[in-house]
């Protein structure tokens, strides 16, 4: 869902949010996070900040804590399968094979780390 949908789902009134730049740069979002704002929905410490822009109130900061963010996940601009295909095609163009590692616990690599798409020119990696 987009950030406007997230605000609606969380029951946040845009009039109660702080004014924000229409299209904040990464540094502006980072600066906002350094201020440690409260979650716009529940008041807990926020972990994510974004801008909701409506015709009546203009751009406003929507700050979300972990739980409120997870309850309103962002929508991928393209299906995940298409993104993986694009990565594999780009890797093939430069002579690399991309291998996506997953397991029953979710998107995790073999080292127990974070979601990853690995590329390797090594032929032994092709069978994994």
Protein backbone atom coordinates (compact mmCIF):
# COMPACT_ATOMS: atom_id res chain seq x y z
CA UNK A 1 0.00 0.00 0.00
CA UNK A 2 1.13 3.53 -0.55
CA UNK A 3 1.76 5.88 2.36
CA UNK A 4 -1.63 7.61 1.97
CA UNK A 5 -3.36 4.23 2.25
CA UNK A 6 -1.20 3.46 5.29
CA UNK A 7 -2.33 6.67 7.00
CA UNK A 8 -5.98 5.81 6.32
CA UNK A 9 -5.58 2.22 7.53
CA UNK A 10 -3.95 3.45 10.74
CA UNK A 11 -6.71 6.03 11.26
CA UNK A 12 -4.30 8.96 11.20
CA UNK A 13 -5.81 12.41 10.58
CA UNK A 14 -3.52 14.28 8.14
CA UNK A 15 -4.42 17.57 9.86
CA UNK A 16 -2.68 16.30 13.01
CA UNK A 17 0.60 15.57 11.20
CA UNK A 18 3.58 17.91 10.97
CA UNK A 19 4.20 19.73 7.66
CA UNK A 20 6.83 18.11 5.44
CA UNK A 21 8.63 18.80 2.17
CA UNK A 22 6.68 17.50 -0.84
CA UNK A 23 9.49 15.22 -2.00
CA UNK A 24 12.03 14.91 0.81
CA UNK A 25 15.59 13.95 0.02
CA UNK A 26 17.14 11.03 1.88
CA UNK A 27 19.03 13.49 4.09
CA UNK A 28 15.75 15.17 5.11
CA UNK A 29 14.18 11.83 6.03
CA UNK A 30 17.34 10.85 7.93
CA UNK A 31 17.29 14.17 9.79
CA UNK A 32 13.63 13.52 10.70
CA UNK A 33 14.51 10.08 12.05
CA UNK A 34 17.32 11.55 14.15
CA UNK A 35 14.68 13.65 15.93
CA UNK A 36 13.13 10.34 17.08
CA UNK A 37 9.50 11.35 16.43
CA UNK A 38 6.65 9.36 17.93
CA UNK A 39 4.54 7.06 15.77
CA UNK A 40 1.73 9.09 14.20
CA UNK A 41 -0.74 6.30 14.96
CA UNK A 42 0.10 4.92 18.40
CA UNK A 43 2.72 7.21 19.99
CA UNK A 44 5.48 4.59 20.31
CA UNK A 45 8.99 5.51 19.10
CA UNK A 46 8.96 5.55 15.29
CA UNK A 47 11.25 3.52 13.05
CA UNK A 48 10.07 4.86 9.68
CA UNK A 49 9.19 8.28 8.32
CA UNK A 50 7.53 9.17 5.05
CA UNK A 51 5.39 11.87 3.54
CA UNK A 52 1.66 11.68 2.90
CA UNK A 53 0.51 14.38 0.50
CA UNK A 54 -3.14 15.29 0.27
CA UNK A 55 -5.00 18.05 -1.58
CA UNK A 56 -6.34 19.67 1.60
CA UNK A 57 -3.39 19.63 4.01
CA UNK A 58 -0.43 19.30 1.64
CA UNK A 59 2.62 17.18 2.44
CA UNK A 60 2.79 15.88 6.03
CA UNK A 61 5.17 13.57 7.87
CA UNK A 62 3.78 10.10 8.63
CA UNK A 63 5.99 8.45 11.26
CA UNK A 64 5.44 4.76 12.02
CA UNK A 65 6.73 2.45 14.73
CA UNK A 66 7.78 -1.08 13.87
CA UNK A 67 4.35 -2.62 14.46
CA UNK A 68 2.44 0.08 12.55
CA UNK A 69 4.92 -0.16 9.67
CA UNK A 70 4.53 -3.94 9.52
CA UNK A 71 0.74 -3.54 9.59
CA UNK A 72 0.98 -1.29 6.51
CA UNK A 73 3.71 -2.75 4.28
CA UNK A 74 4.77 -0.79 1.21
CA UNK A 75 3.63 -2.04 -2.17
CA UNK A 76 6.34 -3.14 -4.53
CA UNK A 77 6.26 -1.18 -7.77
CA UNK A 78 6.56 -4.45 -9.64
CA UNK A 79 5.99 -8.08 -8.67
CA UNK A 80 8.92 -9.60 -6.78
CA UNK A 81 9.25 -12.30 -9.44
CA UNK A 82 9.77 -9.59 -12.09
CA UNK A 83 12.40 -7.84 -9.96
CA UNK A 84 14.31 -11.12 -9.55
CA UNK A 85 14.05 -11.76 -13.30
CA UNK A 86 15.41 -8.28 -14.01
CA UNK A 87 18.35 -8.87 -11.65
CA UNK A 88 19.13 -12.21 -13.29
CA UNK A 89 18.99 -10.65 -16.77
CA UNK A 90 21.28 -7.80 -15.72
CA UNK A 91 23.74 -10.29 -14.19
CA UNK A 92 23.68 -12.39 -17.38
CA UNK A 93 24.48 -9.30 -19.47
CA UNK A 94 27.79 -8.94 -17.61
CA UNK A 95 28.54 -12.67 -17.52
CA UNK A 96 27.35 -13.53 -14.02
CA UNK A 97 24.72 -16.04 -12.91
CA UNK A 98 22.37 -14.82 -10.16
CA UNK A 99 21.19 -17.36 -7.61
CA UNK A 100 18.38 -16.58 -5.19
CA UNK A 101 18.60 -18.41 -1.88
CA UNK A 102 15.44 -19.06 0.19
CA UNK A 103 14.31 -21.55 2.79
CA UNK A 104 11.20 -22.45 4.76
CA UNK A 105 11.94 -19.69 7.29
CA UNK A 106 11.63 -16.99 4.64
CA UNK A 107 14.09 -15.01 2.59
CA UNK A 108 17.46 -15.92 4.08
CA UNK A 109 20.84 -16.67 2.61
CA UNK A 110 22.97 -19.69 3.51
CA UNK A 111 24.84 -17.71 6.15
CA UNK A 112 21.67 -16.94 8.11
CA UNK A 113 21.77 -13.30 7.14
CA UNK A 114 19.47 -11.01 5.29
CA UNK A 115 17.46 -11.46 2.09
CA UNK A 116 19.96 -11.65 -0.72
CA UNK A 117 20.42 -12.27 -4.39
CA UNK A 118 23.93 -13.54 -4.97
CA UNK A 119 25.81 -13.49 -8.24
CA UNK A 120 28.64 -15.83 -9.01
CA UNK A 121 30.77 -16.62 -12.06
CA UNK A 122 31.67 -19.92 -10.38
CA UNK A 123 30.29 -22.97 -12.31
CA UNK A 124 29.92 -24.96 -9.05
CA UNK A 125 27.38 -22.41 -7.81
CA UNK A 126 25.10 -23.11 -10.80
CA UNK A 127 23.74 -26.34 -9.29
CA UNK A 128 22.75 -24.84 -5.94
